[in-house]
Amino acid sequence: MSDQRSRCGWATSAPEYIAYHDDEWGVAVHGDDALFERMSLEAFQSGLSWITILRKRPAFREAFAGFRIADVARFDDADARRLMDDSRIVRNRLKIEAVLANARVVQDMGGGLDELLWSFAPDRHRAPADLTEVPAITPESTAMSKALKKRGFRFVGPTTAYALMQATGMVNDHVATCWRAV
């Protein structure tokens, strides 16, 4: 790190992490398609390292039509097979099927994913002093997960929901010594 800024400990091991940390993580994201993309990528990350997803993100965007909900909702079995054959992305059938199903759920809802997800953002959130204070789940992420599952969403457990909250600025978990902490 040539700029010598203090960052969250997880963000210093690769240039992709530094850029993601500095420019995206914890920044408020709005819009159904943008949040659908983040939700989908968090689902693909489940059980994997986030750096894997970051490095494959351009390919994911291409393979999933820019994560435009209306387009992904129209994907069929041939598209699912195409995705399973695409070595540039994570080829997990359950995760691919979940993304396709989740797009259909949002479409059946008539939109409103932004409003739904942001309704679980806590009114108050204390920045963690260090990484040991960063939770894996919270009451809000558990409630979000339950509400999403009730609507038919897949791969949206409480841990994935909390990672989504962190990634999209619903909570700010930059540690107190990080230059991005507010």
N, C-alpha and C. Protein backbone atom coordinates (compact mmCIF):
# COMPACT_ATOMS: atom_id res chain seq x y z
N MET A 1 0.85 -1.19 0.00
CA MET A 1 0.00 0.00 0.00
C MET A 1 0.89 1.24 0.00
N SER A 2 0.95 1.87 -1.10
CA SER A 2 1.82 3.03 -1.21
C SER A 2 1.26 4.26 -0.51
N ASP A 3 -0.04 4.31 -0.29
CA ASP A 3 -0.62 5.52 0.32
C ASP A 3 -0.56 5.50 1.84
N GLN A 4 -0.22 4.37 2.43
CA GLN A 4 -0.06 4.22 3.87
C GLN A 4 -1.32 4.49 4.69
N ARG A 5 -2.48 4.47 4.05
CA ARG A 5 -3.73 4.64 4.81
C ARG A 5 -3.99 3.38 5.62
N SER A 6 -4.54 3.58 6.80
CA SER A 6 -4.92 2.46 7.65
C SER A 6 -6.24 1.88 7.13
N ARG A 7 -6.27 0.56 6.96
CA ARG A 7 -7.45 -0.12 6.43
C ARG A 7 -7.85 -1.26 7.36
N CYS A 8 -9.05 -1.75 7.13
CA CYS A 8 -9.51 -2.96 7.81
C CYS A 8 -8.55 -4.10 7.46
N GLY A 9 -8.23 -4.93 8.43
CA GLY A 9 -7.23 -5.97 8.24
C GLY A 9 -7.48 -6.92 7.08
N TRP A 10 -8.74 -7.22 6.78
CA TRP A 10 -9.05 -8.16 5.71
C TRP A 10 -8.73 -7.58 4.33
N ALA A 11 -8.56 -6.27 4.23
CA ALA A 11 -8.51 -5.60 2.93
C ALA A 11 -7.11 -5.36 2.39
N THR A 12 -6.10 -5.93 2.99
CA THR A 12 -4.75 -5.54 2.61
C THR A 12 -3.97 -6.60 1.86
N SER A 13 -4.54 -7.76 1.62
CA SER A 13 -3.76 -8.87 1.06
C SER A 13 -3.70 -8.91 -0.47
N ALA A 14 -4.52 -8.13 -1.15
CA ALA A 14 -4.52 -8.17 -2.62
C ALA A 14 -5.00 -6.82 -3.15
N PRO A 15 -4.51 -6.42 -4.30
CA PRO A 15 -4.94 -5.14 -4.88
C PRO A 15 -6.46 -5.07 -5.08
N GLU A 16 -7.07 -6.21 -5.44
CA GLU A 16 -8.53 -6.22 -5.63
C GLU A 16 -9.25 -5.93 -4.33
N TYR A 17 -8.73 -6.47 -3.24
CA TYR A 17 -9.34 -6.19 -1.93
C TYR A 17 -9.20 -4.71 -1.57
N ILE A 18 -8.04 -4.15 -1.81
CA ILE A 18 -7.83 -2.74 -1.47
C ILE A 18 -8.80 -1.87 -2.24
N ALA A 19 -8.91 -2.09 -3.54
CA ALA A 19 -9.83 -1.30 -4.36
C ALA A 19 -11.28 -1.49 -3.91
N TYR A 20 -11.67 -2.73 -3.64
CA TYR A 20 -13.04 -3.01 -3.20
C TYR A 20 -13.30 -2.32 -1.86
N HIS A 21 -12.38 -2.47 -0.94
CA HIS A 21 -12.51 -1.85 0.39
C HIS A 21 -12.62 -0.33 0.28
N ASP A 22 -11.74 0.27 -0.49
CA ASP A 22 -11.66 1.72 -0.55
C ASP A 22 -12.81 2.35 -1.33
N ASP A 23 -13.30 1.66 -2.35
CA ASP A 23 -14.27 2.26 -3.26
C ASP A 23 -15.70 1.74 -3.14
N GLU A 24 -15.89 0.53 -2.60
CA GLU A 24 -17.22 -0.07 -2.64
C GLU A 24 -17.78 -0.52 -1.29
N TRP A 25 -16.99 -1.26 -0.52
CA TRP A 25 -17.51 -1.91 0.67
C TRP A 25 -17.99 -0.87 1.67
N GLY A 26 -19.22 -0.99 2.07
CA GLY A 26 -19.79 -0.06 3.04
C GLY A 26 -20.39 1.19 2.42
N VAL A 27 -20.34 1.30 1.09
CA VAL A 27 -20.92 2.45 0.39
C VAL A 27 -22.37 2.11 0.05
N ALA A 28 -23.28 3.02 0.32
CA ALA A 28 -24.70 2.77 0.08
C ALA A 28 -24.97 2.44 -1.38
N VAL A 29 -25.66 1.34 -1.60
CA VAL A 29 -26.06 0.88 -2.93
C VAL A 29 -27.57 0.89 -2.98
N HIS A 30 -28.11 1.48 -4.03
CA HIS A 30 -29.56 1.49 -4.23
C HIS A 30 -29.88 1.07 -5.65
N GLY A 31 -31.10 0.66 -5.86
CA GLY A 31 -31.56 0.21 -7.16
C GLY A 31 -31.74 -1.29 -7.15
N ASP A 32 -32.86 -1.75 -7.66
CA ASP A 32 -33.16 -3.18 -7.63
C ASP A 32 -32.09 -4.02 -8.32
N ASP A 33 -31.68 -3.63 -9.54
CA ASP A 33 -30.68 -4.42 -10.26
C ASP A 33 -29.34 -4.43 -9.53
N ALA A 34 -28.91 -3.28 -9.03
CA ALA A 34 -27.63 -3.20 -8.32
C ALA A 34 -27.65 -4.07 -7.06
N LEU A 35 -28.75 -4.03 -6.33
CA LEU A 35 -28.84 -4.86 -5.12
C LEU A 35 -29.00 -6.34 -5.47
N PHE A 36 -29.68 -6.63 -6.57
CA PHE A 36 -29.80 -8.01 -7.02
C PHE A 36 -28.42 -8.57 -7.35
N GLU A 37 -27.60 -7.77 -8.01
CA GLU A 37 -26.23 -8.22 -8.30
C GLU A 37 -25.49 -8.53 -7.01
N ARG A 38 -25.53 -7.63 -6.04
CA ARG A 38 -24.79 -7.85 -4.79
C ARG A 38 -25.33 -9.08 -4.07
N MET A 39 -26.65 -9.23 -4.05
CA MET A 39 -27.25 -10.41 -3.40
C MET A 39 -26.77 -11.69 -4.09
N SER A 40 -26.75 -11.67 -5.41
CA SER A 40 -26.33 -12.84 -6.17
C SER A 40 -24.86 -13.17 -5.92
N LEU A 41 -24.01 -12.16 -5.94
CA LEU A 41 -22.59 -12.40 -5.71
C LEU A 41 -22.32 -12.89 -4.30
N GLU A 42 -23.06 -12.37 -3.33
CA GLU A 42 -22.90 -12.86 -1.95
C GLU A 42 -23.32 -14.33 -1.87
N ALA A 43 -24.35 -14.71 -2.60
CA ALA A 43 -24.76 -16.12 -2.62
C ALA A 43 -23.67 -16.98 -3.24
N PHE A 44 -23.07 -16.53 -4.33
CA PHE A 44 -21.99 -17.29 -4.94
C PHE A 44 -20.78 -17.37 -4.02
N GLN A 45 -20.57 -16.36 -3.19
CA GLN A 45 -19.42 -16.35 -2.29
C GLN A 45 -19.56 -17.37 -1.18
N SER A 46 -20.76 -17.75 -0.84
CA SER A 46 -20.99 -18.67 0.27
C SER A 46 -20.07 -19.89 0.17
N GLY A 47 -19.22 -20.07 1.18
CA GLY A 47 -18.30 -21.18 1.23
C GLY A 47 -16.99 -20.94 0.48
N LEU A 48 -16.86 -19.78 -0.13
CA LEU A 48 -15.66 -19.45 -0.89
C LEU A 48 -15.04 -18.16 -0.35
N SER A 49 -13.88 -17.84 -0.85
CA SER A 49 -13.23 -16.58 -0.50
C SER A 49 -13.82 -15.47 -1.36
N TRP A 50 -14.00 -14.29 -0.77
CA TRP A 50 -14.54 -13.16 -1.51
C TRP A 50 -13.63 -12.76 -2.67
N ILE A 51 -12.33 -12.96 -2.52
CA ILE A 51 -11.40 -12.59 -3.60
C ILE A 51 -11.71 -13.39 -4.86
N THR A 52 -12.16 -14.62 -4.70
CA THR A 52 -12.55 -15.44 -5.86
C THR A 52 -13.68 -14.77 -6.61
N ILE A 53 -14.67 -14.27 -5.89
CA ILE A 53 -15.82 -13.62 -6.52
C ILE A 53 -15.39 -12.30 -7.15
N LEU A 54 -14.58 -11.53 -6.45
CA LEU A 54 -14.12 -10.26 -7.02
C LEU A 54 -13.39 -10.47 -8.35
N ARG A 55 -12.56 -11.47 -8.39
CA ARG A 55 -11.79 -11.72 -9.61
C ARG A 55 -12.67 -12.23 -10.75
N LYS A 56 -13.75 -12.88 -10.41
CA LYS A 56 -14.67 -13.41 -11.42
C LYS A 56 -15.84 -12.47 -11.71
N ARG A 57 -15.94 -11.37 -11.00
CA ARG A 57 -17.09 -10.49 -11.13
C ARG A 57 -17.34 -10.01 -12.56
N PRO A 58 -16.34 -9.61 -13.32
CA PRO A 58 -16.64 -9.22 -14.71
C PRO A 58 -17.28 -10.35 -15.51
N ALA A 59 -16.80 -11.56 -15.32
CA ALA A 59 -17.39 -12.71 -16.02
C ALA A 59 -18.81 -12.98 -15.54
N PHE A 60 -19.03 -12.86 -14.23
CA PHE A 60 -20.39 -13.01 -13.70
C PHE A 60 -21.33 -12.00 -14.35
N ARG A 61 -20.89 -10.76 -14.43
CA ARG A 61 -21.73 -9.72 -15.02
C ARG A 61 -22.07 -10.04 -16.46
N GLU A 62 -21.09 -10.51 -17.20
CA GLU A 62 -21.35 -10.86 -18.60
C GLU A 62 -22.28 -12.07 -18.69
N ALA A 63 -22.00 -13.09 -17.91
CA ALA A 63 -22.80 -14.33 -17.97
C ALA A 63 -24.24 -14.13 -17.52
N PHE A 64 -24.45 -13.22 -16.58
CA PHE A 64 -25.79 -12.99 -16.03
C PHE A 64 -26.40 -11.68 -16.54
N ALA A 65 -26.09 -11.32 -17.77
CA ALA A 65 -26.74 -10.17 -18.43
C ALA A 65 -26.70 -8.91 -17.57
N GLY A 66 -25.55 -8.66 -16.97
CA GLY A 66 -25.42 -7.46 -16.14
C GLY A 66 -26.27 -7.48 -14.89
N PHE A 67 -26.78 -8.65 -14.54
CA PHE A 67 -27.66 -8.83 -13.38
C PHE A 67 -28.93 -7.97 -13.51
N ARG A 68 -29.35 -7.73 -14.73
CA ARG A 68 -30.64 -7.05 -14.95
C ARG A 68 -31.73 -8.06 -14.63
N ILE A 69 -32.51 -7.76 -13.64
CA ILE A 69 -33.51 -8.69 -13.12
C ILE A 69 -34.43 -9.19 -14.23
N ALA A 70 -34.94 -8.29 -15.05
CA ALA A 70 -35.88 -8.68 -16.10
C ALA A 70 -35.25 -9.69 -17.06
N ASP A 71 -33.98 -9.51 -17.37
CA ASP A 71 -33.30 -10.44 -18.28
C ASP A 71 -33.04 -11.78 -17.61
N VAL A 72 -32.52 -11.75 -16.40
CA VAL A 72 -32.18 -13.00 -15.70
C VAL A 72 -33.45 -13.80 -15.40
N ALA A 73 -34.55 -13.13 -15.14
CA ALA A 73 -35.81 -13.83 -14.87
C ALA A 73 -36.27 -14.64 -16.08
N ARG A 74 -35.83 -14.26 -17.26
CA ARG A 74 -36.20 -14.98 -18.48
C ARG A 74 -35.24 -16.12 -18.82
N PHE A 75 -34.16 -16.26 -18.08
CA PHE A 75 -33.22 -17.35 -18.36
C PHE A 75 -33.96 -18.68 -18.21
N ASP A 76 -33.64 -19.61 -19.10
CA ASP A 76 -34.30 -20.92 -19.09
C ASP A 76 -33.28 -22.03 -18.84
N ASP A 77 -33.70 -23.27 -19.06
CA ASP A 77 -32.81 -24.41 -18.82
C ASP A 77 -31.55 -24.34 -19.69
N ALA A 78 -31.69 -23.87 -20.92
CA ALA A 78 -30.52 -23.74 -21.79
C ALA A 78 -29.53 -22.73 -21.21
N ASP A 79 -30.06 -21.65 -20.65
CA ASP A 79 -29.18 -20.66 -20.02
C ASP A 79 -28.50 -21.26 -18.79
N ALA A 80 -29.23 -22.03 -18.02
CA ALA A 80 -28.63 -22.67 -16.84
C ALA A 80 -27.51 -23.61 -17.26
N ARG A 81 -27.72 -24.36 -18.35
CA ARG A 81 -26.66 -25.24 -18.85
C ARG A 81 -25.46 -24.42 -19.35
N ARG A 82 -25.74 -23.33 -20.03
CA ARG A 82 -24.67 -22.44 -20.51
C ARG A 82 -23.84 -21.93 -19.33
N LEU A 83 -24.52 -21.53 -18.26
CA LEU A 83 -23.82 -21.04 -17.08
C LEU A 83 -22.99 -22.15 -16.42
N MET A 84 -23.54 -23.35 -16.38
CA MET A 84 -22.78 -24.46 -15.80
C MET A 84 -21.53 -24.79 -16.62
N ASP A 85 -21.55 -24.47 -17.89
CA ASP A 85 -20.40 -24.73 -18.76
C ASP A 85 -19.40 -23.58 -18.80
N ASP A 86 -19.72 -22.47 -18.15
CA ASP A 86 -18.87 -21.28 -18.20
C ASP A 86 -17.80 -21.35 -17.11
N SER A 87 -16.59 -21.70 -17.50
CA SER A 87 -15.50 -21.87 -16.53
C SER A 87 -15.04 -20.56 -15.91
N ARG A 88 -15.52 -19.44 -16.42
CA ARG A 88 -15.10 -18.14 -15.88
C ARG A 88 -15.84 -17.78 -14.60
N ILE A 89 -16.94 -18.47 -14.30
CA ILE A 89 -17.73 -18.19 -13.11
C ILE A 89 -17.67 -19.38 -12.17
N VAL A 90 -18.29 -19.25 -11.01
CA VAL A 90 -18.43 -20.37 -10.08
C VAL A 90 -19.57 -21.23 -10.61
N ARG A 91 -19.25 -22.48 -10.91
CA ARG A 91 -20.23 -23.37 -11.53
C ARG A 91 -20.84 -24.29 -10.48
N ASN A 92 -21.73 -23.74 -9.73
CA ASN A 92 -22.45 -24.47 -8.70
C ASN A 92 -23.93 -24.43 -9.09
N ARG A 93 -24.46 -25.59 -9.44
CA ARG A 93 -25.83 -25.67 -9.95
C ARG A 93 -26.84 -25.05 -8.99
N LEU A 94 -26.72 -25.34 -7.71
CA LEU A 94 -27.70 -24.80 -6.74
C LEU A 94 -27.64 -23.27 -6.68
N LYS A 95 -26.44 -22.73 -6.74
CA LYS A 95 -26.29 -21.27 -6.69
C LYS A 95 -26.80 -20.63 -7.98
N ILE A 96 -26.50 -21.24 -9.11
CA ILE A 96 -27.00 -20.72 -10.39
C ILE A 96 -28.53 -20.75 -10.40
N GLU A 97 -29.10 -21.86 -10.01
CA GLU A 97 -30.56 -21.97 -9.98
C GLU A 97 -31.17 -20.98 -8.99
N ALA A 98 -30.47 -20.73 -7.89
CA ALA A 98 -30.97 -19.76 -6.90
C ALA A 98 -31.02 -18.36 -7.50
N VAL A 99 -29.99 -17.96 -8.23
CA VAL A 99 -29.97 -16.63 -8.83
C VAL A 99 -31.13 -16.49 -9.82
N LEU A 100 -31.34 -17.51 -10.64
CA LEU A 100 -32.44 -17.46 -11.61
C LEU A 100 -33.78 -17.38 -10.89
N ALA A 101 -33.95 -18.20 -9.87
CA ALA A 101 -35.21 -18.19 -9.10
C ALA A 101 -35.39 -16.87 -8.37
N ASN A 102 -34.32 -16.33 -7.82
CA ASN A 102 -34.42 -15.05 -7.10
C ASN A 102 -34.83 -13.92 -8.03
N ALA A 103 -34.33 -13.94 -9.25
CA ALA A 103 -34.74 -12.92 -10.23
C ALA A 103 -36.25 -13.01 -10.49
N ARG A 104 -36.75 -14.22 -10.58
CA ARG A 104 -38.19 -14.41 -10.81
C ARG A 104 -39.01 -13.94 -9.61
N VAL A 105 -38.49 -14.18 -8.42
CA VAL A 105 -39.18 -13.70 -7.22
C VAL A 105 -39.28 -12.18 -7.24
N VAL A 106 -38.17 -11.50 -7.55
CA VAL A 106 -38.20 -10.03 -7.59
C VAL A 106 -39.18 -9.57 -8.66
N GLN A 107 -39.15 -10.22 -9.81
CA GLN A 107 -40.06 -9.83 -10.87
C GLN A 107 -41.52 -10.05 -10.45
N ASP A 108 -41.79 -11.16 -9.79
CA ASP A 108 -43.16 -11.43 -9.31
C ASP A 108 -43.59 -10.43 -8.25
N MET A 109 -42.61 -9.90 -7.50
CA MET A 109 -42.91 -8.88 -6.49
C MET A 109 -43.27 -7.55 -7.15
N GLY A 110 -42.94 -7.44 -8.44
CA GLY A 110 -43.16 -6.16 -9.13
C GLY A 110 -42.11 -5.13 -8.77
N GLY A 111 -40.94 -5.59 -8.43
CA GLY A 111 -39.86 -4.69 -8.02
C GLY A 111 -39.91 -4.48 -6.52
N GLY A 112 -39.24 -3.45 -6.08
CA GLY A 112 -39.25 -3.14 -4.65
C GLY A 112 -38.18 -3.85 -3.85
N LEU A 113 -37.20 -4.47 -4.52
CA LEU A 113 -36.12 -5.13 -3.79
C LEU A 113 -35.34 -4.12 -2.95
N ASP A 114 -35.08 -2.95 -3.51
CA ASP A 114 -34.35 -1.90 -2.79
C ASP A 114 -35.07 -1.57 -1.49
N GLU A 115 -36.34 -1.27 -1.60
CA GLU A 115 -37.12 -0.90 -0.42
C GLU A 115 -37.16 -2.03 0.60
N LEU A 116 -37.35 -3.26 0.13
CA LEU A 116 -37.41 -4.41 1.02
C LEU A 116 -36.09 -4.57 1.77
N LEU A 117 -34.98 -4.62 1.06
CA LEU A 117 -33.70 -4.85 1.72
C LEU A 117 -33.33 -3.73 2.67
N TRP A 118 -33.50 -2.50 2.23
CA TRP A 118 -33.13 -1.37 3.09
C TRP A 118 -34.04 -1.24 4.31
N SER A 119 -35.20 -1.86 4.29
CA SER A 119 -36.08 -1.80 5.47
C SER A 119 -35.46 -2.51 6.67
N PHE A 120 -34.43 -3.32 6.43
CA PHE A 120 -33.78 -4.04 7.53
C PHE A 120 -32.51 -3.36 8.02
N ALA A 121 -32.13 -2.26 7.41
CA ALA A 121 -30.95 -1.53 7.86
C ALA A 121 -31.21 -0.99 9.26
N PRO A 122 -30.31 -1.23 10.18
CA PRO A 122 -30.53 -0.74 11.54
C PRO A 122 -30.49 0.78 11.61
N ASP A 123 -31.28 1.33 12.52
CA ASP A 123 -31.28 2.78 12.72
C ASP A 123 -29.94 3.25 13.26
N ARG A 124 -29.35 2.45 14.11
CA ARG A 124 -28.05 2.78 14.71
C ARG A 124 -27.13 1.58 14.54
N HIS A 125 -25.87 1.90 14.31
CA HIS A 125 -24.87 0.85 14.20
C HIS A 125 -23.54 1.42 14.68
N ARG A 126 -22.95 0.77 15.65
CA ARG A 126 -21.68 1.22 16.21
C ARG A 126 -20.54 0.59 15.42
N ALA A 127 -19.63 1.41 14.96
CA ALA A 127 -18.47 0.91 14.24
C ALA A 127 -17.64 0.02 15.16
N PRO A 128 -17.18 -1.10 14.66
CA PRO A 128 -16.38 -1.99 15.50
C PRO A 128 -14.99 -1.40 15.78
N ALA A 129 -14.50 -1.67 16.98
CA ALA A 129 -13.15 -1.20 17.34
C ALA A 129 -12.10 -1.97 16.55
N ASP A 130 -12.34 -3.26 16.35
CA ASP A 130 -11.42 -4.10 15.58
C ASP A 130 -12.22 -5.25 14.96
N LEU A 131 -11.54 -6.10 14.21
CA LEU A 131 -12.24 -7.17 13.48
C LEU A 131 -12.94 -8.17 14.40
N THR A 132 -12.47 -8.30 15.63
CA THR A 132 -13.12 -9.25 16.55
C THR A 132 -14.53 -8.79 16.91
N GLU A 133 -14.83 -7.52 16.73
CA GLU A 133 -16.16 -7.00 17.05
C GLU A 133 -17.12 -7.03 15.86
N VAL A 134 -16.66 -7.49 14.71
CA VAL A 134 -17.52 -7.55 13.53
C VAL A 134 -18.33 -8.85 13.61
N PRO A 135 -19.65 -8.75 13.69
CA PRO A 135 -20.46 -9.95 13.81
C PRO A 135 -20.61 -10.67 12.47
N ALA A 136 -20.99 -11.93 12.54
CA ALA A 136 -21.31 -12.70 11.33
C ALA A 136 -22.80 -12.57 11.00
N ILE A 137 -23.60 -12.44 12.05
CA ILE A 137 -25.05 -12.25 11.89
C ILE A 137 -25.51 -11.24 12.94
N THR A 138 -26.64 -10.65 12.67
CA THR A 138 -27.26 -9.72 13.61
C THR A 138 -28.76 -10.00 13.63
N PRO A 139 -29.48 -9.45 14.58
CA PRO A 139 -30.94 -9.62 14.56
C PRO A 139 -31.54 -9.10 13.24
N GLU A 140 -30.98 -8.02 12.70
CA GLU A 140 -31.50 -7.47 11.45
C GLU A 140 -31.23 -8.40 10.27
N SER A 141 -30.04 -9.01 10.23
CA SER A 141 -29.75 -9.91 9.11
C SER A 141 -30.57 -11.19 9.23
N THR A 142 -30.83 -11.61 10.43
CA THR A 142 -31.70 -12.78 10.64
C THR A 142 -33.12 -12.47 10.18
N ALA A 143 -33.61 -11.30 10.53
CA ALA A 143 -34.95 -10.89 10.09
C ALA A 143 -35.01 -10.75 8.57
N MET A 144 -33.97 -10.17 7.98
CA MET A 144 -33.92 -10.04 6.52
C MET A 144 -33.96 -11.42 5.87
N SER A 145 -33.15 -12.32 6.37
CA SER A 145 -33.09 -13.67 5.82
C SER A 145 -34.46 -14.35 5.88
N LYS A 146 -35.11 -14.26 7.02
CA LYS A 146 -36.44 -14.88 7.18
C LYS A 146 -37.45 -14.27 6.21
N ALA A 147 -37.43 -12.95 6.07
CA ALA A 147 -38.38 -12.28 5.17
C ALA A 147 -38.12 -12.67 3.72
N LEU A 148 -36.85 -12.76 3.34
CA LEU A 148 -36.52 -13.13 1.97
C LEU A 148 -36.92 -14.58 1.69
N LYS A 149 -36.60 -15.47 2.62
CA LYS A 149 -36.96 -16.89 2.44
C LYS A 149 -38.47 -17.06 2.36
N LYS A 150 -39.20 -16.30 3.16
CA LYS A 150 -40.66 -16.38 3.14
C LYS A 150 -41.22 -16.01 1.76
N ARG A 151 -40.53 -15.11 1.07
CA ARG A 151 -40.95 -14.70 -0.28
C ARG A 151 -40.47 -15.66 -1.35
N GLY A 152 -39.60 -16.62 -0.98
CA GLY A 152 -39.13 -17.61 -1.94
C GLY A 152 -37.69 -17.45 -2.38
N PHE A 153 -36.97 -16.48 -1.82
CA PHE A 153 -35.56 -16.31 -2.17
C PHE A 153 -34.74 -17.48 -1.65
N ARG A 154 -33.66 -17.79 -2.34
CA ARG A 154 -32.76 -18.88 -1.97
C ARG A 154 -31.35 -18.33 -1.73
N PHE A 155 -30.57 -19.08 -0.96
CA PHE A 155 -29.19 -18.73 -0.63
C PHE A 155 -29.13 -17.35 0.02
N VAL A 156 -30.00 -17.14 0.98
CA VAL A 156 -30.07 -15.86 1.68
C VAL A 156 -30.11 -16.08 3.20
N GLY A 157 -29.20 -16.90 3.69
CA GLY A 157 -29.15 -17.14 5.12
C GLY A 157 -28.72 -15.88 5.86
N PRO A 158 -28.78 -15.90 7.19
CA PRO A 158 -28.44 -14.72 7.99
C PRO A 158 -27.01 -14.20 7.78
N THR A 159 -26.06 -15.11 7.58
CA THR A 159 -24.68 -14.68 7.36
C THR A 159 -24.54 -14.00 6.00
N THR A 160 -25.15 -14.59 4.98
CA THR A 160 -25.14 -13.98 3.64
C THR A 160 -25.87 -12.65 3.67
N ALA A 161 -26.97 -12.59 4.40
CA ALA A 161 -27.72 -11.33 4.51
C ALA A 161 -26.87 -10.26 5.19
N TYR A 162 -26.11 -10.64 6.21
CA TYR A 162 -25.28 -9.64 6.87
C TYR A 162 -24.14 -9.18 5.97
N ALA A 163 -23.54 -10.11 5.24
CA ALA A 163 -22.49 -9.72 4.28
C ALA A 163 -23.06 -8.76 3.24
N LEU A 164 -24.29 -8.99 2.82
CA LEU A 164 -24.95 -8.08 1.88
C LEU A 164 -25.15 -6.71 2.52
N MET A 165 -25.55 -6.69 3.77
CA MET A 165 -25.73 -5.42 4.48
C MET A 165 -24.42 -4.65 4.57
N GLN A 166 -23.33 -5.35 4.84
CA GLN A 166 -22.02 -4.71 4.91
C GLN A 166 -21.60 -4.18 3.53
N ALA A 167 -21.76 -5.01 2.52
CA ALA A 167 -21.29 -4.66 1.19
C ALA A 167 -22.04 -3.49 0.58
N THR A 168 -23.29 -3.31 0.98
CA THR A 168 -24.15 -2.29 0.36
C THR A 168 -24.38 -1.08 1.25
N GLY A 169 -23.62 -0.98 2.32
CA GLY A 169 -23.69 0.22 3.15
C GLY A 169 -24.86 0.29 4.11
N MET A 170 -25.59 -0.80 4.27
CA MET A 170 -26.68 -0.79 5.24
C MET A 170 -26.11 -0.72 6.65
N VAL A 171 -24.90 -1.25 6.80
CA VAL A 171 -24.11 -1.10 8.03
C VAL A 171 -22.70 -0.71 7.61
N ASN A 172 -22.01 -0.03 8.50
CA ASN A 172 -20.62 0.35 8.23
C ASN A 172 -19.74 -0.38 9.23
N ASP A 173 -19.10 -1.44 8.78
CA ASP A 173 -18.24 -2.22 9.65
C ASP A 173 -16.76 -1.96 9.43
N HIS A 174 -16.42 -0.80 8.88
CA HIS A 174 -15.01 -0.42 8.83
C HIS A 174 -14.56 -0.21 10.28
N VAL A 175 -13.45 -0.82 10.65
CA VAL A 175 -12.98 -0.73 12.03
C VAL A 175 -12.57 0.71 12.35
N ALA A 176 -12.56 1.01 13.62
CA ALA A 176 -12.36 2.40 14.08
C ALA A 176 -11.06 3.01 13.56
N THR A 177 -10.03 2.22 13.35
CA THR A 177 -8.76 2.77 12.87
C THR A 177 -8.68 2.90 11.37
N CYS A 178 -9.68 2.45 10.67
CA CYS A 178 -9.70 2.49 9.20
C CYS A 178 -10.03 3.89 8.70
N TRP A 179 -9.38 4.29 7.63
CA TRP A 179 -9.64 5.63 7.08
C TRP A 179 -11.07 5.78 6.57
N ARG A 180 -11.74 4.65 6.31
CA ARG A 180 -13.12 4.70 5.81
C ARG A 180 -14.16 4.71 6.95
N ALA A 181 -13.73 4.52 8.16
CA ALA A 181 -14.67 4.53 9.30
C ALA A 181 -15.22 5.96 9.46
N VAL A 182 -16.48 6.02 9.77
CA VAL A 182 -17.10 7.34 9.98
C VAL A 182 -17.68 7.43 11.37
